[in-house]
Amino acid sequence: MGLLEKGLEADLARFFEEDDLQGNAFYLRELPETAVECQLKIKSDLLLCGLPYFVAAFNFLGANLNYETFKKYEGKNFGKGEIISFSLPFSIALTGERIALNLLQRGSAVATFTSQFATKASPHNIRILDTRKTTPGLRSLEKYAVRVGGGFNHRFSQADVWMIKDNHKTFFGGLKPAWDFFQNMQTHYQGIVVEIHSLDELKLAIELGIKHVMLDNFSLDGIKKAIDLKKAGMTIEISGGVKLDNCKQYFISGVDAISIGALTHSAPHVDLSMKVKNLHLGVSKDSYEF
């Protein structure tokens, strides 16, 4: 068992509990354990992502799939109609397929969408970042998928990197008192990012020595003016209103990163299914698709 697979055990237990795996013991006992050929069918063009989760779901139920045999497919582009074959006991294939496919489908959707942004941004040396706008319970998978798709993770929680947002500034009475509060929270290596809403606020941030700023919903002209104020050692991230059909206009020299919540909250659906064949019947028509 790999380290990632071990780390997913608690999540998988919750996923299968939601699927009421324990609800009918007689049914589980009676499911045939005969080996079947499984075909993972790619039904739309996509970047395949989430195979460690896919494999772990079946192994959680007692299968003995080796991720190394699937590893070459992870992060690769597939076209509609391609197939990946493997074998499982029928009982495990039937019981685990929906959880496994749900995880693989979600990971592939996020990775495919991220890849489309990252491919456009790469020649400009601008990083595409995710946000904390993730599906509850699936943050690990979705942030993993962003990385597989060529993007970068912003932060995993509220506390691994402090981010001063508009609500903080409203509560504390402005940028400086909010900055002072989070300076007291900071550990030696922990960074602080500040959400900036105007050029005047950016100028104050520079006076305070703030190195990492996120320009929130700035116009293109505002971004260019902000870059003119950029000091050595600063990073400028932009966020808000960046879409696949307009992102090129934001690839401005001096921008270090673009954070896009849509990577995880609005990734378009991709289509996958799994088909099994009873090898003992020996005829192709006796196959069933989940």
Foldseek 3Di string as FASTA:
>chain_A
DDPVLVVCLVLLVVVLVVVVVVVDPVVLVPQFQAKWKKKKFFAAWWQWADLVVLVSLLVSVPWDDDCVVVVVRHLHIDHHGDIDMDMGGRSSCVSRFVVSVVLRQLLGLLLRQLLLVQVLQVVLQAAEEEDQLADVSCLVSNQRSNVSSPHHYDDSDCPQAPEAEPVLCVVQVHDVSSVVVVVVVDDPPHYYEYEDDALVNLVVCVVVVHAHYEDEPDDLVRVVVSLVVHDPNHAYEYEDDQDSVPPNSVSDPSHHYYYYNCSHPPRDGTDIKMKIANVVVPDPVRMDID
